[in-house]
Structures are given as C-alpha cells and as structure tokens.
Amino acid sequence: MKTLLKIASITGLLGVMIGAFGAHLLKPFMNEEQLATFNTGSKYHLIHSLSIILLAILYQQFQLKQFKTAAYFHFVGILLFAGSLYLIALKDFFHINHWTFLGPITPLGGLSFMIGWALLFIGSTKINFKN
C-alpha cells in the first residue's frame, strides 16, 4: 500500500510538471498534432496516477491481489503509453526522429491500462457488498 501511494504521488507530481512543461515551455516548439499527442499522454498519465491511489485503497480494504496487480499495470501503462507519447510529440525537439520503436510501445502501454482495468473488474466481482 505504501509503495503504491509513493508511486501514485510521484507519477501524479510528474504528470503535473510534464503537463505544465509542455503547455508553457514546449508549446512553441510543437505543431498542433504534436501538442495533441502530448496532451493525450498527459491526460492518461494523470488519470492513471489517480487510479493507482484508488487501487491502493481498495487493496488495503479488501486484500485482493487483483487490485494491487492492477495498480502496477497502470504504472507500467503510464511509463509505456504516456512516456512514448511524450517522446513521439517531442521527436523534433530532442532530435530523436530515428527512434522508430516508440510507435509500437504506445499500444503496449494501452494494453497495460486495459489489463489493469480488467483486473479491477475481476477483483470487484469477489467483493461481497451488503447492497
């Protein structure tokens, strides 16, 4: 639980910092398509930082492995999905146009997000609610 909250706090902090960095300092160096790509990465980054907090709380409450595992899948998704989108959007800025491996990494991050959400669903079916 403590580790997941640390991960969520760091990814949340970085999500805000990276988003602000892109919106204020890098915006002049990006075209509309690059900015949209960057913003998509930022949005998914922050949403999944919050989901890690939720999953950590659920794991603490119910001790279901699916919740803990889902949180780690969301963390990997942030790294792969958002991270690759940030780099794709900034290829020109960082002169990394030859990094063709970035495109195939993005869907792996998306798959990681989906697995995390599926694990949340599976875990939720094991909880006995009174209502």
N, C-alpha and C. Protein backbone atom coordinates (compact mmCIF):
# COMPACT_ATOMS: atom_id res chain seq x y z
N MET A 1 0.83 -1.19 0.00
CA MET A 1 0.00 0.00 0.00
C MET A 1 0.87 1.25 0.00
N LYS A 2 1.86 1.28 0.89
CA LYS A 2 2.72 2.45 0.99
C LYS A 2 3.49 2.67 -0.31
N THR A 3 3.99 1.59 -0.90
CA THR A 3 4.73 1.70 -2.16
C THR A 3 3.84 2.24 -3.27
N LEU A 4 2.60 1.74 -3.33
CA LEU A 4 1.69 2.22 -4.37
C LEU A 4 1.35 3.69 -4.19
N LEU A 5 1.19 4.12 -2.95
CA LEU A 5 0.91 5.55 -2.72
C LEU A 5 2.11 6.41 -3.09
N LYS A 6 3.30 5.90 -2.85
CA LYS A 6 4.50 6.63 -3.26
C LYS A 6 4.58 6.73 -4.77
N ILE A 7 4.30 5.61 -5.44
CA ILE A 7 4.30 5.61 -6.91
C ILE A 7 3.27 6.61 -7.43
N ALA A 8 2.06 6.58 -6.87
CA ALA A 8 1.00 7.48 -7.33
C ALA A 8 1.37 8.94 -7.08
N SER A 9 1.98 9.22 -5.94
CA SER A 9 2.33 10.61 -5.66
C SER A 9 3.42 11.10 -6.61
N ILE A 10 4.38 10.24 -6.91
CA ILE A 10 5.46 10.63 -7.82
C ILE A 10 4.94 10.76 -9.25
N THR A 11 4.13 9.80 -9.69
CA THR A 11 3.62 9.90 -11.06
C THR A 11 2.65 11.07 -11.20
N GLY A 12 1.87 11.34 -10.16
CA GLY A 12 0.99 12.50 -10.19
C GLY A 12 1.76 13.80 -10.26
N LEU A 13 2.79 13.92 -9.42
CA LEU A 13 3.64 15.11 -9.44
C LEU A 13 4.29 15.29 -10.81
N LEU A 14 4.85 14.21 -11.33
CA LEU A 14 5.49 14.29 -12.65
C LEU A 14 4.48 14.60 -13.75
N GLY A 15 3.26 14.06 -13.62
CA GLY A 15 2.22 14.35 -14.61
C GLY A 15 1.90 15.83 -14.68
N VAL A 16 1.79 16.46 -13.52
CA VAL A 16 1.51 17.90 -13.48
C VAL A 16 2.71 18.68 -14.02
N MET A 17 3.90 18.30 -13.59
CA MET A 17 5.10 19.00 -14.05
C MET A 17 5.30 18.87 -15.56
N ILE A 18 5.16 17.66 -16.07
CA ILE A 18 5.34 17.43 -17.50
C ILE A 18 4.27 18.16 -18.29
N GLY A 19 3.02 18.10 -17.81
CA GLY A 19 1.93 18.81 -18.48
C GLY A 19 2.18 20.31 -18.54
N ALA A 20 2.62 20.88 -17.42
CA ALA A 20 2.91 22.32 -17.39
C ALA A 20 4.10 22.66 -18.27
N PHE A 21 5.11 21.80 -18.23
CA PHE A 21 6.29 22.00 -19.07
C PHE A 21 5.91 22.03 -20.54
N GLY A 22 5.05 21.08 -20.93
CA GLY A 22 4.60 21.03 -22.32
C GLY A 22 3.74 22.21 -22.70
N ALA A 23 2.82 22.57 -21.81
CA ALA A 23 1.88 23.65 -22.12
C ALA A 23 2.54 25.03 -22.17
N HIS A 24 3.56 25.22 -21.35
CA HIS A 24 4.13 26.56 -21.25
C HIS A 24 5.49 26.73 -21.94
N LEU A 25 6.34 25.74 -21.82
CA LEU A 25 7.68 25.91 -22.37
C LEU A 25 7.88 25.25 -23.74
N LEU A 26 7.23 24.11 -23.94
CA LEU A 26 7.47 23.39 -25.19
C LEU A 26 6.44 23.69 -26.27
N LYS A 27 5.32 24.27 -25.91
CA LYS A 27 4.25 24.55 -26.87
C LYS A 27 4.75 25.28 -28.12
N PRO A 28 5.63 26.28 -28.00
CA PRO A 28 6.10 26.97 -29.20
C PRO A 28 6.90 26.08 -30.16
N PHE A 29 7.38 24.96 -29.68
CA PHE A 29 8.20 24.07 -30.50
C PHE A 29 7.41 22.90 -31.09
N MET A 30 6.09 22.86 -30.82
CA MET A 30 5.27 21.75 -31.29
C MET A 30 4.18 22.27 -32.22
N ASN A 31 3.86 21.47 -33.22
CA ASN A 31 2.71 21.79 -34.07
C ASN A 31 1.44 21.26 -33.38
N GLU A 32 0.28 21.48 -34.00
CA GLU A 32 -0.99 21.08 -33.37
C GLU A 32 -1.07 19.58 -33.13
N GLU A 33 -0.61 18.79 -34.09
CA GLU A 33 -0.66 17.34 -33.94
C GLU A 33 0.25 16.87 -32.79
N GLN A 34 1.44 17.43 -32.72
CA GLN A 34 2.36 17.07 -31.64
C GLN A 34 1.79 17.48 -30.29
N LEU A 35 1.19 18.65 -30.22
CA LEU A 35 0.60 19.13 -28.97
C LEU A 35 -0.56 18.23 -28.54
N ALA A 36 -1.38 17.82 -29.49
CA ALA A 36 -2.49 16.91 -29.18
C ALA A 36 -1.96 15.57 -28.66
N THR A 37 -0.90 15.06 -29.27
CA THR A 37 -0.29 13.81 -28.82
C THR A 37 0.25 13.97 -27.41
N PHE A 38 0.93 15.06 -27.16
CA PHE A 38 1.48 15.34 -25.83
C PHE A 38 0.35 15.43 -24.80
N ASN A 39 -0.72 16.13 -25.14
CA ASN A 39 -1.84 16.29 -24.22
C ASN A 39 -2.55 14.98 -23.93
N THR A 40 -2.63 14.10 -24.93
CA THR A 40 -3.21 12.78 -24.70
C THR A 40 -2.38 12.01 -23.68
N GLY A 41 -1.06 12.04 -23.85
CA GLY A 41 -0.18 11.38 -22.88
C GLY A 41 -0.38 11.94 -21.49
N SER A 42 -0.46 13.26 -21.39
CA SER A 42 -0.62 13.91 -20.09
C SER A 42 -1.95 13.53 -19.43
N LYS A 43 -3.01 13.50 -20.22
CA LYS A 43 -4.33 13.15 -19.68
C LYS A 43 -4.34 11.73 -19.12
N TYR A 44 -3.85 10.77 -19.91
CA TYR A 44 -3.83 9.38 -19.45
C TYR A 44 -2.87 9.20 -18.27
N HIS A 45 -1.79 9.94 -18.27
CA HIS A 45 -0.82 9.91 -17.18
C HIS A 45 -1.51 10.28 -15.86
N LEU A 46 -2.20 11.41 -15.85
CA LEU A 46 -2.83 11.88 -14.61
C LEU A 46 -4.01 11.02 -14.18
N ILE A 47 -4.82 10.58 -15.13
CA ILE A 47 -5.97 9.72 -14.79
C ILE A 47 -5.48 8.44 -14.12
N HIS A 48 -4.43 7.87 -14.66
CA HIS A 48 -3.96 6.60 -14.12
C HIS A 48 -3.12 6.77 -12.85
N SER A 49 -2.59 7.95 -12.62
CA SER A 49 -1.98 8.22 -11.31
C SER A 49 -3.06 8.17 -10.23
N LEU A 50 -4.21 8.75 -10.52
CA LEU A 50 -5.34 8.70 -9.58
C LEU A 50 -5.87 7.28 -9.42
N SER A 51 -5.90 6.53 -10.51
CA SER A 51 -6.40 5.15 -10.40
C SER A 51 -5.50 4.31 -9.50
N ILE A 52 -4.20 4.59 -9.50
CA ILE A 52 -3.29 3.85 -8.62
C ILE A 52 -3.64 4.12 -7.16
N ILE A 53 -4.00 5.35 -6.83
CA ILE A 53 -4.42 5.66 -5.46
C ILE A 53 -5.68 4.87 -5.11
N LEU A 54 -6.66 4.90 -6.00
CA LEU A 54 -7.90 4.16 -5.77
C LEU A 54 -7.61 2.67 -5.57
N LEU A 55 -6.79 2.11 -6.43
CA LEU A 55 -6.48 0.68 -6.33
C LEU A 55 -5.72 0.35 -5.06
N ALA A 56 -4.85 1.25 -4.62
CA ALA A 56 -4.13 1.03 -3.36
C ALA A 56 -5.11 1.01 -2.19
N ILE A 57 -6.07 1.91 -2.20
CA ILE A 57 -7.09 1.95 -1.13
C ILE A 57 -7.93 0.68 -1.17
N LEU A 58 -8.34 0.28 -2.36
CA LEU A 58 -9.12 -0.96 -2.48
C LEU A 58 -8.32 -2.17 -2.01
N TYR A 59 -7.06 -2.21 -2.35
CA TYR A 59 -6.22 -3.32 -1.90
C TYR A 59 -6.11 -3.32 -0.37
N GLN A 60 -5.91 -2.16 0.22
CA GLN A 60 -5.82 -2.05 1.68
C GLN A 60 -7.11 -2.54 2.34
N GLN A 61 -8.24 -2.19 1.75
CA GLN A 61 -9.54 -2.53 2.32
C GLN A 61 -9.89 -4.01 2.15
N PHE A 62 -9.62 -4.58 0.97
CA PHE A 62 -10.11 -5.91 0.65
C PHE A 62 -9.02 -6.98 0.50
N GLN A 63 -7.76 -6.57 0.45
CA GLN A 63 -6.63 -7.50 0.34
C GLN A 63 -6.77 -8.47 -0.85
N LEU A 64 -7.28 -7.96 -1.95
CA LEU A 64 -7.40 -8.77 -3.16
C LEU A 64 -6.22 -8.47 -4.08
N LYS A 65 -5.51 -9.51 -4.45
CA LYS A 65 -4.30 -9.37 -5.27
C LYS A 65 -4.59 -8.65 -6.58
N GLN A 66 -5.79 -8.81 -7.12
CA GLN A 66 -6.14 -8.18 -8.39
C GLN A 66 -5.99 -6.66 -8.32
N PHE A 67 -6.33 -6.07 -7.19
CA PHE A 67 -6.25 -4.61 -7.05
C PHE A 67 -4.79 -4.14 -7.05
N LYS A 68 -3.96 -4.85 -6.33
CA LYS A 68 -2.54 -4.49 -6.28
C LYS A 68 -1.89 -4.68 -7.65
N THR A 69 -2.18 -5.79 -8.29
CA THR A 69 -1.62 -6.07 -9.61
C THR A 69 -2.11 -5.05 -10.63
N ALA A 70 -3.38 -4.68 -10.55
CA ALA A 70 -3.93 -3.67 -11.45
C ALA A 70 -3.19 -2.35 -11.31
N ALA A 71 -2.87 -1.97 -10.08
CA ALA A 71 -2.15 -0.72 -9.85
C ALA A 71 -0.80 -0.75 -10.55
N TYR A 72 -0.11 -1.86 -10.46
CA TYR A 72 1.20 -1.96 -11.12
C TYR A 72 1.06 -1.95 -12.64
N PHE A 73 -0.01 -2.55 -13.16
CA PHE A 73 -0.24 -2.48 -14.61
C PHE A 73 -0.50 -1.03 -15.04
N HIS A 74 -1.21 -0.28 -14.21
CA HIS A 74 -1.44 1.13 -14.55
C HIS A 74 -0.14 1.92 -14.49
N PHE A 75 0.73 1.59 -13.57
CA PHE A 75 2.03 2.26 -13.51
C PHE A 75 2.84 1.97 -14.78
N VAL A 76 2.87 0.72 -15.19
CA VAL A 76 3.57 0.36 -16.42
C VAL A 76 2.93 1.05 -17.61
N GLY A 77 1.61 1.16 -17.60
CA GLY A 77 0.91 1.87 -18.67
C GLY A 77 1.32 3.33 -18.75
N ILE A 78 1.48 3.97 -17.60
CA ILE A 78 1.94 5.36 -17.59
C ILE A 78 3.30 5.46 -18.26
N LEU A 79 4.20 4.56 -17.85
CA LEU A 79 5.56 4.60 -18.40
C LEU A 79 5.55 4.38 -19.91
N LEU A 80 4.84 3.35 -20.36
CA LEU A 80 4.88 2.99 -21.78
C LEU A 80 3.98 3.88 -22.64
N PHE A 81 2.74 4.06 -22.24
CA PHE A 81 1.79 4.82 -23.06
C PHE A 81 2.12 6.31 -23.03
N ALA A 82 2.03 6.90 -21.84
CA ALA A 82 2.27 8.35 -21.74
C ALA A 82 3.71 8.68 -22.11
N GLY A 83 4.65 7.88 -21.60
CA GLY A 83 6.06 8.14 -21.89
C GLY A 83 6.37 8.13 -23.37
N SER A 84 5.83 7.15 -24.08
CA SER A 84 6.10 7.09 -25.52
C SER A 84 5.42 8.24 -26.26
N LEU A 85 4.21 8.62 -25.82
CA LEU A 85 3.55 9.75 -26.47
C LEU A 85 4.30 11.05 -26.25
N TYR A 86 4.84 11.25 -25.05
CA TYR A 86 5.65 12.45 -24.80
C TYR A 86 6.83 12.49 -25.77
N LEU A 87 7.51 11.36 -25.90
CA LEU A 87 8.69 11.32 -26.77
C LEU A 87 8.32 11.46 -28.25
N ILE A 88 7.21 10.85 -28.65
CA ILE A 88 6.76 10.98 -30.04
C ILE A 88 6.45 12.45 -30.35
N ALA A 89 5.77 13.11 -29.42
CA ALA A 89 5.42 14.52 -29.63
C ALA A 89 6.66 15.41 -29.69
N LEU A 90 7.72 14.98 -29.03
CA LEU A 90 8.93 15.82 -28.93
C LEU A 90 10.10 15.27 -29.75
N LYS A 91 9.81 14.42 -30.73
CA LYS A 91 10.87 13.85 -31.57
C LYS A 91 11.74 14.93 -32.22
N ASP A 92 11.08 15.93 -32.78
CA ASP A 92 11.82 17.00 -33.45
C ASP A 92 12.65 17.80 -32.44
N PHE A 93 12.05 18.10 -31.31
CA PHE A 93 12.72 18.91 -30.29
C PHE A 93 13.98 18.22 -29.77
N PHE A 94 13.88 16.90 -29.53
CA PHE A 94 15.00 16.14 -28.99
C PHE A 94 15.87 15.49 -30.07
N HIS A 95 15.51 15.70 -31.34
CA HIS A 95 16.26 15.13 -32.47
C HIS A 95 16.35 13.61 -32.36
N ILE A 96 15.20 12.98 -32.12
CA ILE A 96 15.14 11.53 -32.00
C ILE A 96 14.18 10.94 -33.03
N ASN A 97 14.17 11.53 -34.21
CA ASN A 97 13.28 11.05 -35.28
C ASN A 97 13.59 9.62 -35.69
N HIS A 98 14.79 9.17 -35.44
CA HIS A 98 15.18 7.81 -35.82
C HIS A 98 14.70 6.77 -34.80
N TRP A 99 14.07 7.17 -33.73
CA TRP A 99 13.57 6.24 -32.72
C TRP A 99 12.23 5.67 -33.19
N THR A 100 12.27 4.78 -34.13
CA THR A 100 11.05 4.22 -34.71
C THR A 100 10.37 3.22 -33.77
N PHE A 101 11.05 2.79 -32.74
CA PHE A 101 10.47 1.82 -31.81
C PHE A 101 9.39 2.43 -30.90
N LEU A 102 9.31 3.77 -30.86
CA LEU A 102 8.36 4.41 -29.97
C LEU A 102 6.91 4.12 -30.34
N GLY A 103 6.59 4.11 -31.62
CA GLY A 103 5.22 3.86 -32.07
C GLY A 103 4.65 2.54 -31.56
N PRO A 104 5.39 1.44 -31.67
CA PRO A 104 4.86 0.16 -31.17
C PRO A 104 4.79 0.06 -29.65
N ILE A 105 5.50 0.93 -28.94
CA ILE A 105 5.45 0.88 -27.47
C ILE A 105 4.12 1.43 -26.95
N THR A 106 3.57 2.42 -27.63
CA THR A 106 2.34 3.06 -27.16
C THR A 106 1.20 2.06 -26.97
N PRO A 107 0.91 1.19 -27.93
CA PRO A 107 -0.19 0.23 -27.71
C PRO A 107 0.09 -0.75 -26.57
N LEU A 108 1.35 -1.05 -26.30
CA LEU A 108 1.66 -1.92 -25.17
C LEU A 108 1.28 -1.24 -23.85
N GLY A 109 1.49 0.07 -23.79
CA GLY A 109 1.04 0.83 -22.63
C GLY A 109 -0.48 0.84 -22.51
N GLY A 110 -1.15 1.00 -23.65
CA GLY A 110 -2.61 0.96 -23.65
C GLY A 110 -3.13 -0.40 -23.21
N LEU A 111 -2.46 -1.46 -23.66
CA LEU A 111 -2.84 -2.81 -23.24
C LEU A 111 -2.64 -2.97 -21.73
N SER A 112 -1.58 -2.41 -21.22
CA SER A 112 -1.32 -2.46 -19.78
C SER A 112 -2.44 -1.75 -19.00
N PHE A 113 -2.89 -0.60 -19.50
CA PHE A 113 -4.02 0.08 -18.87
C PHE A 113 -5.26 -0.83 -18.88
N MET A 114 -5.54 -1.45 -20.03
CA MET A 114 -6.73 -2.28 -20.15
C MET A 114 -6.67 -3.48 -19.21
N ILE A 115 -5.51 -4.10 -19.09
CA ILE A 115 -5.35 -5.23 -18.18
C ILE A 115 -5.62 -4.77 -16.75
N GLY A 116 -5.11 -3.60 -16.40
CA GLY A 116 -5.36 -3.06 -15.06
C GLY A 116 -6.84 -2.87 -14.80
N TRP A 117 -7.56 -2.30 -15.76
CA TRP A 117 -9.00 -2.10 -15.58
C TRP A 117 -9.74 -3.44 -15.53
N ALA A 118 -9.30 -4.41 -16.32
CA ALA A 118 -9.92 -5.74 -16.27
C ALA A 118 -9.69 -6.40 -14.91
N LEU A 119 -8.50 -6.22 -14.36
CA LEU A 119 -8.22 -6.77 -13.03
C LEU A 119 -9.07 -6.09 -11.96
N LEU A 120 -9.32 -4.81 -12.11
CA LEU A 120 -10.23 -4.12 -11.19
C LEU A 120 -11.61 -4.75 -11.27
N PHE A 121 -12.08 -5.02 -12.48
CA PHE A 121 -13.38 -5.67 -12.64
C PHE A 121 -13.40 -7.04 -11.97
N ILE A 122 -12.37 -7.84 -12.23
CA ILE A 122 -12.31 -9.19 -11.65
C ILE A 122 -12.30 -9.11 -10.13
N GLY A 123 -11.49 -8.21 -9.59
CA GLY A 123 -11.45 -8.05 -8.14
C GLY A 123 -12.80 -7.61 -7.58
N SER A 124 -13.48 -6.73 -8.29
CA SER A 124 -14.77 -6.23 -7.80
C SER A 124 -15.82 -7.33 -7.74
N THR A 125 -15.68 -8.37 -8.57
CA THR A 125 -16.65 -9.47 -8.53
C THR A 125 -16.45 -10.35 -7.30
N LYS A 126 -15.32 -10.21 -6.63
CA LYS A 126 -15.03 -11.02 -5.44
C LYS A 126 -15.42 -10.34 -4.14
N ILE A 127 -15.89 -9.11 -4.23
CA ILE A 127 -16.29 -8.37 -3.04
C ILE A 127 -17.77 -8.63 -2.76
N ASN A 128 -18.08 -8.93 -1.52
CA ASN A 128 -19.46 -9.12 -1.12
C ASN A 128 -19.99 -7.83 -0.49
N PHE A 129 -20.74 -7.07 -1.28
CA PHE A 129 -21.34 -5.85 -0.80
C PHE A 129 -22.67 -6.18 -0.13
N LYS A 130 -23.06 -5.40 0.84
CA LYS A 130 -24.33 -5.63 1.56
C LYS A 130 -25.52 -5.19 0.73
N ASN A 131 -25.34 -4.27 -0.18
CA ASN A 131 -26.47 -3.80 -1.01
C ASN A 131 -26.43 -4.43 -2.35
